[in-house]
Amino acid sequence: MKKKVIKKDEAMFASGEVMSMLENMNEGIQLLAEQHGGIVSRLDGIDGRLDGIDGRLDKLQDDVTDIKYTLTTKADRSEVEKLEKRIVKVERVVFSKRP
């Protein structure tokens, strides 16, 4: 069986090097945490805006439903024109028979 030979130079870090690496890691983790917090706050803002848009869309859907209902209860232009022609005919008859 062969023994692994570990050189002292490669296996050991000085305590100053370890502290430096830990500080760099801590700074990186802190930066990631700050970015995460910023992203979360932006997402919360977007969520609030979407709730507002959702409320406005619901109101618009109600308005469209009301408009559809009122349009179905109104007469078409062609029907109104027919009625106008009939009224004109009736007026001619009534006014022509006046003394």
PDB file of N, CA and C in Angstrom:
ATOM      1  N   MET A   1       0.830  -1.161   0.000  1.00  0.00           N
ATOM      2  CA  MET A   1       0.000   0.000   0.000  1.00  0.00           C
ATOM      3  C   MET A   1       0.887   1.241   0.000  1.00  0.00           C
ATOM      4  N   LYS A   2       0.503   2.201  -0.854  1.00  0.00           N
ATOM      5  CA  LYS A   2       1.312   3.412  -0.936  1.00  0.00           C
ATOM      6  C   LYS A   2       0.787   4.441   0.037  1.00  0.00           C
ATOM      7  N   LYS A   3       1.663   5.147   0.615  1.00  0.00           N
ATOM      8  CA  LYS A   3       1.291   6.218   1.534  1.00  0.00           C
ATOM      9  C   LYS A   3       1.214   7.519   0.764  1.00  0.00           C
ATOM     10  N   LYS A   4       0.233   8.325   1.096  1.00  0.00           N
ATOM     11  CA  LYS A   4       0.129   9.639   0.488  1.00  0.00           C
ATOM     12  C   LYS A   4       1.105  10.560   1.171  1.00  0.00           C
ATOM     13  N   VAL A   5       1.812  11.233   0.371  1.00  0.00           N
ATOM     14  CA  VAL A   5       2.774  12.173   0.924  1.00  0.00           C
ATOM     15  C   VAL A   5       2.195  13.567   0.767  1.00  0.00           C
ATOM     16  N   ILE A   6       2.014  14.264   1.868  1.00  0.00           N
ATOM     17  CA  ILE A   6       1.483  15.620   1.869  1.00  0.00           C
ATOM     18  C   ILE A   6       2.609  16.561   2.214  1.00  0.00           C
ATOM     19  N   LYS A   7       2.841  17.482   1.330  1.00  0.00           N
ATOM     20  CA  LYS A   7       3.879  18.454   1.612  1.00  0.00           C
ATOM     21  C   LYS A   7       3.343  19.478   2.591  1.00  0.00           C
ATOM     22  N   LYS A   8       4.152  19.909   3.489  1.00  0.00           N
ATOM     23  CA  LYS A   8       3.735  20.888   4.492  1.00  0.00           C
ATOM     24  C   LYS A   8       3.354  22.212   3.858  1.00  0.00           C
ATOM     25  N   ASP A   9       4.005  22.586   2.768  1.00  0.00           N
ATOM     26  CA  ASP A   9       3.744  23.872   2.127  1.00  0.00           C
ATOM     27  C   ASP A   9       2.318  23.934   1.547  1.00  0.00           C
ATOM     28  N   GLU A  10       1.855  22.823   1.023  1.00  0.00           N
ATOM     29  CA  GLU A  10       0.556  22.805   0.368  1.00  0.00           C
ATOM     30  C   GLU A  10      -0.594  22.607   1.358  1.00  0.00           C
ATOM     31  N   ALA A  11      -0.365  21.928   2.425  1.00  0.00           N
ATOM     32  CA  ALA A  11      -1.431  21.545   3.331  1.00  0.00           C
ATOM     33  C   ALA A  11      -1.752  22.598   4.370  1.00  0.00           C
ATOM     34  N   MET A  12      -0.864  23.430   4.689  1.00  0.00           N
ATOM     35  CA  MET A  12      -1.066  24.358   5.795  1.00  0.00           C
ATOM     36  C   MET A  12      -1.220  25.790   5.284  1.00  0.00           C
ATOM     37  N   PHE A  13      -2.125  26.505   5.913  1.00  0.00           N
ATOM     38  CA  PHE A  13      -2.282  27.934   5.669  1.00  0.00           C
ATOM     39  C   PHE A  13      -1.905  28.664   6.940  1.00  0.00           C
ATOM     40  N   ALA A  14      -1.372  29.795   6.753  1.00  0.00           N
ATOM     41  CA  ALA A  14      -1.049  30.608   7.933  1.00  0.00           C
ATOM     42  C   ALA A  14      -2.340  31.176   8.486  1.00  0.00           C
ATOM     43  N   SER A  15      -2.328  31.476   9.772  1.00  0.00           N
ATOM     44  CA  SER A  15      -3.549  31.991  10.399  1.00  0.00           C
ATOM     45  C   SER A  15      -3.976  33.314   9.775  1.00  0.00           C
ATOM     46  N   GLY A  16      -3.048  34.124   9.348  1.00  0.00           N
ATOM     47  CA  GLY A  16      -3.380  35.383   8.686  1.00  0.00           C
ATOM     48  C   GLY A  16      -4.077  35.150   7.356  1.00  0.00           C
ATOM     49  N   GLU A  17      -3.648  34.124   6.632  1.00  0.00           N
ATOM     50  CA  GLU A  17      -4.281  33.792   5.364  1.00  0.00           C
ATOM     51  C   GLU A  17      -5.705  33.298   5.578  1.00  0.00           C
ATOM     52  N   VAL A  18      -5.900  32.493   6.591  1.00  0.00           N
ATOM     53  CA  VAL A  18      -7.234  31.984   6.909  1.00  0.00           C
ATOM     54  C   VAL A  18      -8.157  33.131   7.292  1.00  0.00           C
ATOM     55  N   MET A  19      -7.682  34.040   8.093  1.00  0.00           N
ATOM     56  CA  MET A  19      -8.497  35.190   8.500  1.00  0.00           C
ATOM     57  C   MET A  19      -8.853  36.057   7.287  1.00  0.00           C
ATOM     58  N   SER A  20      -7.903  36.242   6.397  1.00  0.00           N
ATOM     59  CA  SER A  20      -8.147  37.028   5.194  1.00  0.00           C
ATOM     60  C   SER A  20      -9.217  36.366   4.325  1.00  0.00           C
ATOM     61  N   MET A  21      -9.113  35.043   4.182  1.00  0.00           N
ATOM     62  CA  MET A  21     -10.113  34.319   3.397  1.00  0.00           C
ATOM     63  C   MET A  21     -11.487  34.417   4.049  1.00  0.00           C
ATOM     64  N   LEU A  22     -11.548  34.297   5.355  1.00  0.00           N
ATOM     65  CA  LEU A  22     -12.825  34.394   6.069  1.00  0.00           C
ATOM     66  C   LEU A  22     -13.432  35.789   5.926  1.00  0.00           C
ATOM     67  N   GLU A  23     -12.607  36.821   5.989  1.00  0.00           N
ATOM     68  CA  GLU A  23     -13.105  38.182   5.816  1.00  0.00           C
ATOM     69  C   GLU A  23     -13.681  38.374   4.420  1.00  0.00           C
ATOM     70  N   ASN A  24     -12.989  37.860   3.411  1.00  0.00           N
ATOM     71  CA  ASN A  24     -13.490  37.957   2.040  1.00  0.00           C
ATOM     72  C   ASN A  24     -14.812  37.212   1.876  1.00  0.00           C
ATOM     73  N   MET A  25     -14.885  36.032   2.506  1.00  0.00           N
ATOM     74  CA  MET A  25     -16.131  35.267   2.442  1.00  0.00           C
ATOM     75  C   MET A  25     -17.263  36.012   3.139  1.00  0.00           C
ATOM     76  N   ASN A  26     -16.975  36.590   4.300  1.00  0.00           N
ATOM     77  CA  ASN A  26     -17.994  37.348   5.027  1.00  0.00           C
ATOM     78  C   ASN A  26     -18.480  38.545   4.219  1.00  0.00           C
ATOM     79  N   GLU A  27     -17.558  39.251   3.560  1.00  0.00           N
ATOM     80  CA  GLU A  27     -17.944  40.392   2.733  1.00  0.00           C
ATOM     81  C   GLU A  27     -18.828  39.943   1.570  1.00  0.00           C
ATOM     82  N   GLY A  28     -18.463  38.822   0.970  1.00  0.00           N
ATOM     83  CA  GLY A  28     -19.269  38.291  -0.134  1.00  0.00           C
ATOM     84  C   GLY A  28     -20.656  37.883   0.330  1.00  0.00           C
ATOM     85  N   ILE A  29     -20.737  37.237   1.471  1.00  0.00           N
ATOM     86  CA  ILE A  29     -22.029  36.819   2.021  1.00  0.00           C
ATOM     87  C   ILE A  29     -22.872  38.036   2.376  1.00  0.00           C
ATOM     88  N   GLN A  30     -22.246  39.058   2.941  1.00  0.00           N
ATOM     89  CA  GLN A  30     -22.964  40.278   3.298  1.00  0.00           C
ATOM     90  C   GLN A  30     -23.502  40.964   2.038  1.00  0.00           C
ATOM     91  N   LEU A  31     -22.708  41.004   0.989  1.00  0.00           N
ATOM     92  CA  LEU A  31     -23.142  41.598  -0.266  1.00  0.00           C
ATOM     93  C   LEU A  31     -24.330  40.836  -0.842  1.00  0.00           C
ATOM     94  N   LEU A  32     -24.259  39.514  -0.815  1.00  0.00           N
ATOM     95  CA  LEU A  32     -25.375  38.702  -1.297  1.00  0.00           C
ATOM     96  C   LEU A  32     -26.638  38.941  -0.473  1.00  0.00           C
ATOM     97  N   ALA A  33     -26.489  39.059   0.834  1.00  0.00           N
ATOM     98  CA  ALA A  33     -27.643  39.295   1.702  1.00  0.00           C
ATOM     99  C   ALA A  33     -28.276  40.655   1.396  1.00  0.00           C
ATOM    100  N   GLU A  34     -27.454  41.675   1.164  1.00  0.00           N
ATOM    101  CA  GLU A  34     -27.986  42.998   0.834  1.00  0.00           C
ATOM    102  C   GLU A  34     -28.727  42.975  -0.495  1.00  0.00           C
ATOM    103  N   GLN A  35     -28.140  42.300  -1.479  1.00  0.00           N
ATOM    104  CA  GLN A  35     -28.804  42.198  -2.780  1.00  0.00           C
ATOM    105  C   GLN A  35     -30.119  41.435  -2.666  1.00  0.00           C
ATOM    106  N   HIS A  36     -30.109  40.382  -1.880  1.00  0.00           N
ATOM    107  CA  HIS A  36     -31.337  39.609  -1.672  1.00  0.00           C
ATOM    108  C   HIS A  36     -32.420  40.472  -1.042  1.00  0.00           C
ATOM    109  N   GLY A  37     -32.033  41.256  -0.050  1.00  0.00           N
ATOM    110  CA  GLY A  37     -33.006  42.144   0.596  1.00  0.00           C
ATOM    111  C   GLY A  37     -33.562  43.165  -0.382  1.00  0.00           C
ATOM    112  N   GLY A  38     -32.702  43.699  -1.255  1.00  0.00           N
ATOM    113  CA  GLY A  38     -33.173  44.643  -2.266  1.00  0.00           C
ATOM    114  C   GLY A  38     -34.138  44.006  -3.242  1.00  0.00           C
ATOM    115  N   ILE A  39     -33.821  42.791  -3.632  1.00  0.00           N
ATOM    116  CA  ILE A  39     -34.702  42.076  -4.565  1.00  0.00           C
ATOM    117  C   ILE A  39     -36.049  41.787  -3.916  1.00  0.00           C
ATOM    118  N   VAL A  40     -36.037  41.381  -2.668  1.00  0.00           N
ATOM    119  CA  VAL A  40     -37.285  41.085  -1.959  1.00  0.00           C
ATOM    120  C   VAL A  40     -38.149  42.348  -1.839  1.00  0.00           C
ATOM    121  N   SER A  41     -37.531  43.480  -1.532  1.00  0.00           N
ATOM    122  CA  SER A  41     -38.314  44.711  -1.404  1.00  0.00           C
ATOM    123  C   SER A  41     -38.886  45.134  -2.757  1.00  0.00           C
ATOM    124  N   ARG A  42     -38.123  44.953  -3.827  1.00  0.00           N
ATOM    125  CA  ARG A  42     -38.649  45.286  -5.156  1.00  0.00           C
ATOM    126  C   ARG A  42     -39.805  44.370  -5.519  1.00  0.00           C
ATOM    127  N   LEU A  43     -39.684  43.083  -5.203  1.00  0.00           N
ATOM    128  CA  LEU A  43     -40.770  42.150  -5.485  1.00  0.00           C
ATOM    129  C   LEU A  43     -42.021  42.500  -4.684  1.00  0.00           C
ATOM    130  N   ASP A  44     -41.843  42.934  -3.445  1.00  0.00           N
ATOM    131  CA  ASP A  44     -42.991  43.361  -2.648  1.00  0.00           C
ATOM    132  C   ASP A  44     -43.672  44.570  -3.291  1.00  0.00           C
ATOM    133  N   GLY A  45     -42.867  45.499  -3.805  1.00  0.00           N
ATOM    134  CA  GLY A  45     -43.430  46.661  -4.482  1.00  0.00           C
ATOM    135  C   GLY A  45     -44.194  46.275  -5.735  1.00  0.00           C
ATOM    136  N   ILE A  46     -43.625  45.340  -6.487  1.00  0.00           N
ATOM    137  CA  ILE A  46     -44.296  44.864  -7.709  1.00  0.00           C
ATOM    138  C   ILE A  46     -45.586  44.151  -7.344  1.00  0.00           C
ATOM    139  N   ASP A  47     -45.555  43.387  -6.270  1.00  0.00           N
ATOM    140  CA  ASP A  47     -46.759  42.678  -5.821  1.00  0.00           C
ATOM    141  C   ASP A  47     -47.864  43.671  -5.470  1.00  0.00           C
ATOM    142  N   GLY A  48     -47.502  44.744  -4.787  1.00  0.00           N
ATOM    143  CA  GLY A  48     -48.493  45.768  -4.450  1.00  0.00           C
ATOM    144  C   GLY A  48     -49.058  46.434  -5.683  1.00  0.00           C
ATOM    145  N   ARG A  49     -48.199  46.711  -6.652  1.00  0.00           N
ATOM    146  CA  ARG A  49     -48.669  47.334  -7.889  1.00  0.00           C
ATOM    147  C   ARG A  49     -49.597  46.398  -8.644  1.00  0.00           C
ATOM    148  N   LEU A  50     -49.260  45.110  -8.672  1.00  0.00           N
ATOM    149  CA  LEU A  50     -50.115  44.149  -9.361  1.00  0.00           C
ATOM    150  C   LEU A  50     -51.483  44.029  -8.684  1.00  0.00           C
ATOM    151  N   ASP A  51     -51.509  44.120  -7.366  1.00  0.00           N
ATOM    152  CA  ASP A  51     -52.791  44.105  -6.655  1.00  0.00           C
ATOM    153  C   ASP A  51     -53.647  45.299  -7.074  1.00  0.00           C
ATOM    154  N   GLY A  52     -53.011  46.463  -7.203  1.00  0.00           N
ATOM    155  CA  GLY A  52     -53.736  47.652  -7.647  1.00  0.00           C
ATOM    156  C   GLY A  52     -54.271  47.496  -9.057  1.00  0.00           C
ATOM    157  N   ILE A  53     -53.444  46.943  -9.939  1.00  0.00           N
ATOM    158  CA  ILE A  53     -53.871  46.724 -11.323  1.00  0.00           C
ATOM    159  C   ILE A  53     -55.001  45.712 -11.365  1.00  0.00           C
ATOM    160  N   ASP A  54     -54.914  44.682 -10.551  1.00  0.00           N
ATOM    161  CA  ASP A  54     -55.962  43.668 -10.494  1.00  0.00           C
ATOM    162  C   ASP A  54     -57.293  44.290 -10.072  1.00  0.00           C
ATOM    163  N   GLY A  55     -57.239  45.181  -9.085  1.00  0.00           N
ATOM    164  CA  GLY A  55     -58.453  45.863  -8.643  1.00  0.00           C
ATOM    165  C   GLY A  55     -59.046  46.724  -9.740  1.00  0.00           C
ATOM    166  N   ARG A  56     -58.172  47.420 -10.479  1.00  0.00           N
ATOM    167  CA  ARG A  56     -58.677  48.259 -11.570  1.00  0.00           C
ATOM    168  C   ARG A  56     -59.274  47.417 -12.679  1.00  0.00           C
ATOM    169  N   LEU A  57     -58.659  46.263 -12.983  1.00  0.00           N
ATOM    170  CA  LEU A  57     -59.208  45.391 -14.019  1.00  0.00           C
ATOM    171  C   LEU A  57     -60.564  44.834 -13.617  1.00  0.00           C
ATOM    172  N   ASP A  58     -60.721  44.498 -12.342  1.00  0.00           N
ATOM    173  CA  ASP A  58     -62.020  44.029 -11.868  1.00  0.00           C
ATOM    174  C   ASP A  58     -63.084  45.107 -12.063  1.00  0.00           C
ATOM    175  N   LYS A  59     -62.723  46.349 -11.764  1.00  0.00           N
ATOM    176  CA  LYS A  59     -63.673  47.454 -11.945  1.00  0.00           C
ATOM    177  C   LYS A  59     -64.011  47.626 -13.420  1.00  0.00           C
ATOM    178  N   LEU A  60     -62.997  47.505 -14.290  1.00  0.00           N
ATOM    179  CA  LEU A  60     -63.246  47.634 -15.721  1.00  0.00           C
ATOM    180  C   LEU A  60     -64.155  46.523 -16.227  1.00  0.00           C
ATOM    181  N   GLN A  61     -63.953  45.323 -15.714  1.00  0.00           N
ATOM    182  CA  GLN A  61     -64.832  44.207 -16.127  1.00  0.00           C
ATOM    183  C   GLN A  61     -66.264  44.497 -15.713  1.00  0.00           C
ATOM    184  N   ASP A  62     -66.459  45.062 -14.526  1.00  0.00           N
ATOM    185  CA  ASP A  62     -67.813  45.416 -14.091  1.00  0.00           C
ATOM    186  C   ASP A  62     -68.399  46.482 -15.003  1.00  0.00           C
ATOM    187  N   ASP A  63     -67.562  47.469 -15.372  1.00  0.00           N
ATOM    188  CA  ASP A  63     -68.037  48.531 -16.261  1.00  0.00           C
ATOM    189  C   ASP A  63     -68.423  47.978 -17.627  1.00  0.00           C
ATOM    190  N   VAL A  64     -67.618  47.065 -18.155  1.00  0.00           N
ATOM    191  CA  VAL A  64     -67.924  46.470 -19.458  1.00  0.00           C
ATOM    192  C   VAL A  64     -69.232  45.691 -19.383  1.00  0.00           C
ATOM    193  N   THR A  65     -69.443  44.986 -18.304  1.00  0.00           N
ATOM    194  CA  THR A  65     -70.691  44.240 -18.141  1.00  0.00           C
ATOM    195  C   THR A  65     -71.886  45.193 -18.112  1.00  0.00           C
ATOM    196  N   ASP A  66     -71.757  46.312 -17.405  1.00  0.00           N
ATOM    197  CA  ASP A  66     -72.827  47.307 -17.372  1.00  0.00           C
ATOM    198  C   ASP A  66     -73.092  47.892 -18.754  1.00  0.00           C
ATOM    199  N   ILE A  67     -72.033  48.181 -19.487  1.00  0.00           N
ATOM    200  CA  ILE A  67     -72.187  48.749 -20.831  1.00  0.00           C
ATOM    201  C   ILE A  67     -72.872  47.751 -21.757  1.00  0.00           C
ATOM    202  N   LYS A  68     -72.469  46.489 -21.672  1.00  0.00           N
ATOM    203  CA  LYS A  68     -73.115  45.472 -22.505  1.00  0.00           C
ATOM    204  C   LYS A  68     -74.614  45.405 -22.202  1.00  0.00           C
ATOM    205  N   TYR A  69     -74.967  45.455 -20.938  1.00  0.00           N
ATOM    206  CA  TYR A  69     -76.375  45.375 -20.559  1.00  0.00           C
ATOM    207  C   TYR A  69     -77.144  46.576 -21.107  1.00  0.00           C
ATOM    208  N   THR A  70     -76.581  47.771 -20.958  1.00  0.00           N
ATOM    209  CA  THR A  70     -77.299  48.957 -21.431  1.00  0.00           C
ATOM    210  C   THR A  70     -77.392  48.978 -22.947  1.00  0.00           C
ATOM    211  N   LEU A  71     -76.387  48.446 -23.632  1.00  0.00           N
ATOM    212  CA  LEU A  71     -76.454  48.406 -25.097  1.00  0.00           C
ATOM    213  C   LEU A  71     -77.516  47.435 -25.581  1.00  0.00           C
ATOM    214  N   THR A  72     -77.713  46.352 -24.869  1.00  0.00           N
ATOM    215  CA  THR A  72     -78.729  45.392 -25.305  1.00  0.00           C
ATOM    216  C   THR A  72     -80.138  45.920 -25.070  1.00  0.00           C
ATOM    217  N   THR A  73     -80.300  46.863 -24.166  1.00  0.00           N
ATOM    218  CA  THR A  73     -81.635  47.401 -23.905  1.00  0.00           C
ATOM    219  C   THR A  73     -81.964  48.590 -24.796  1.00  0.00           C
ATOM    220  N   LYS A  74     -81.011  49.067 -25.582  1.00  0.00           N
ATOM    221  CA  LYS A  74     -81.250  50.208 -26.466  1.00  0.00           C
ATOM    222  C   LYS A  74     -81.578  49.738 -27.873  1.00  0.00           C
ATOM    223  N   ALA A  75     -82.244  50.622 -28.635  1.00  0.00           N
ATOM    224  CA  ALA A  75     -82.641  50.297 -29.998  1.00  0.00           C
ATOM    225  C   ALA A  75     -81.468  50.501 -30.951  1.00  0.00           C
ATOM    226  N   ASP A  76     -81.488  49.718 -32.028  1.00  0.00           N
ATOM    227  CA  ASP A  76     -80.480  49.886 -33.070  1.00  0.00           C
ATOM    228  C   ASP A  76     -80.775  51.142 -33.885  1.00  0.00           C
ATOM    229  N   ARG A  77     -79.787  51.621 -34.588  1.00  0.00           N
ATOM    230  CA  ARG A  77     -79.952  52.814 -35.427  1.00  0.00           C
ATOM    231  C   ARG A  77     -80.997  52.557 -36.506  1.00  0.00           C
ATOM    232  N   SER A  78     -80.988  51.362 -37.090  1.00  0.00           N
ATOM    233  CA  SER A  78     -81.956  51.056 -38.149  1.00  0.00           C
ATOM    234  C   SER A  78     -83.385  51.079 -37.611  1.00  0.00           C
ATOM    235  N   GLU A  79     -83.576  50.594 -36.392  1.00  0.00           N
ATOM    236  CA  GLU A  79     -84.907  50.626 -35.787  1.00  0.00           C
ATOM    237  C   GLU A  79     -85.365  52.058 -35.546  1.00  0.00           C
ATOM    238  N   VAL A  80     -84.453  52.905 -35.101  1.00  0.00           N
ATOM    239  CA  VAL A  80     -84.789  54.306 -34.860  1.00  0.00           C
ATOM    240  C   VAL A  80     -85.147  54.992 -36.174  1.00  0.00           C
ATOM    241  N   GLU A  81     -84.402  54.705 -37.241  1.00  0.00           N
ATOM    242  CA  GLU A  81     -84.698  55.308 -38.544  1.00  0.00           C
ATOM    243  C   GLU A  81     -86.066  54.870 -39.049  1.00  0.00           C
ATOM    244  N   LYS A  82     -86.403  53.603 -38.849  1.00  0.00           N
ATOM    245  CA  LYS A  82     -87.734  53.117 -39.253  1.00  0.00           C
ATOM    246  C   LYS A  82     -88.830  53.860 -38.491  1.00  0.00           C
ATOM    247  N   LEU A  83     -88.597  54.024 -37.167  1.00  0.00           N
ATOM    248  CA  LEU A  83     -89.590  54.744 -36.366  1.00  0.00           C
ATOM    249  C   LEU A  83     -89.720  56.194 -36.805  1.00  0.00           C
ATOM    250  N   GLU A  84     -88.620  56.829 -37.150  1.00  0.00           N
ATOM    251  CA  GLU A  84     -88.661  58.216 -37.623  1.00  0.00           C
ATOM    252  C   GLU A  84     -89.486  58.326 -38.895  1.00  0.00           C
ATOM    253  N   LYS A  85     -89.290  57.394 -39.812  1.00  0.00           N
ATOM    254  CA  LYS A  85     -90.054  57.402 -41.063  1.00  0.00           C
ATOM    255  C   LYS A  85     -91.544  57.232 -40.791  1.00  0.00           C
ATOM    256  N   ARG A  86     -91.880  56.336 -39.875  1.00  0.00           N
ATOM    257  CA  ARG A  86     -93.289  56.117 -39.536  1.00  0.00           C
ATOM    258  C   ARG A  86     -93.892  57.361 -38.905  1.00  0.00           C
ATOM    259  N   ILE A  87     -93.120  58.025 -38.050  1.00  0.00           N
ATOM    260  CA  ILE A  87     -93.617  59.246 -37.399  1.00  0.00           C
ATOM    261  C   ILE A  87     -93.841  60.332 -38.442  1.00  0.00           C
ATOM    262  N   VAL A  88     -92.915  60.446 -39.373  1.00  0.00           N
ATOM    263  CA  VAL A  88     -93.073  61.450 -40.431  1.00  0.00           C
ATOM    264  C   VAL A  88     -94.346  61.178 -41.230  1.00  0.00           C
ATOM    265  N   LYS A  89     -94.590  59.920 -41.548  1.00  0.00           N
ATOM    266  CA  LYS A  89     -95.815  59.566 -42.282  1.00  0.00           C
ATOM    267  C   LYS A  89     -97.053  59.920 -41.481  1.00  0.00           C
ATOM    268  N   VAL A  90     -97.041  59.588 -40.188  1.00  0.00           N
ATOM    269  CA  VAL A  90     -98.190  59.886 -39.324  1.00  0.00           C
ATOM    270  C   VAL A  90     -98.390  61.400 -39.227  1.00  0.00           C
ATOM    271  N   GLU A  91     -97.315  62.155 -39.092  1.00  0.00           N
ATOM    272  CA  GLU A  91     -97.424  63.616 -39.003  1.00  0.00           C
ATOM    273  C   GLU A  91     -98.019  64.188 -40.289  1.00  0.00           C
ATOM    274  N   ARG A  92     -97.603  63.657 -41.427  1.00  0.00           N
ATOM    275  CA  ARG A  92     -98.147  64.144 -42.709  1.00  0.00           C
ATOM    276  C   ARG A  92     -99.640  63.928 -42.771  1.00  0.00           C
ATOM    277  N   VAL A  93    -100.050  62.739 -42.327  1.00  0.00           N
ATOM    278  CA  VAL A  93    -101.492  62.428 -42.363  1.00  0.00           C
ATOM    279  C   VAL A  93    -102.240  63.345 -41.391  1.00  0.00           C
ATOM    280  N   VAL A  94    -101.692  63.506 -40.178  1.00  0.00           N
ATOM    281  CA  VAL A  94    -102.389  64.307 -39.170  1.00  0.00           C
ATOM    282  C   VAL A  94    -102.414  65.776 -39.588  1.00  0.00           C
ATOM    283  N   PHE A  95    -101.316  66.309 -40.048  1.00  0.00           N
ATOM    284  CA  PHE A  95    -101.264  67.718 -40.405  1.00  0.00           C
ATOM    285  C   PHE A  95    -102.012  68.008 -41.717  1.00  0.00           C
ATOM    286  N   SER A  96    -102.122  67.024 -42.596  1.00  0.00           N
ATOM    287  CA  SER A  96    -102.840  67.261 -43.844  1.00  0.00           C
ATOM    288  C   SER A  96    -104.344  67.288 -43.623  1.00  0.00           C
ATOM    289  N   LYS A  97    -104.830  66.647 -42.583  1.00  0.00           N
ATOM    290  CA  LYS A  97    -106.271  66.602 -42.303  1.00  0.00           C
ATOM    291  C   LYS A  97    -106.714  67.774 -41.454  1.00  0.00           C
ATOM    292  N   ARG A  98    -105.827  68.603 -40.984  1.00  0.00           N
ATOM    293  CA  ARG A  98    -106.230  69.750 -40.168  1.00  0.00           C
ATOM    294  C   ARG A  98    -106.903  70.788 -41.039  1.00  0.00           C
ATOM    295  N   PRO A  99    -107.890  71.434 -40.466  1.00  0.00           N
ATOM    296  CA  PRO A  99    -108.582  72.485 -41.236  1.00  0.00           C
ATOM    297  C   PRO A  99    -107.803  73.756 -41.340  1.00  0.00           C
TER     298      PRO A  99
END
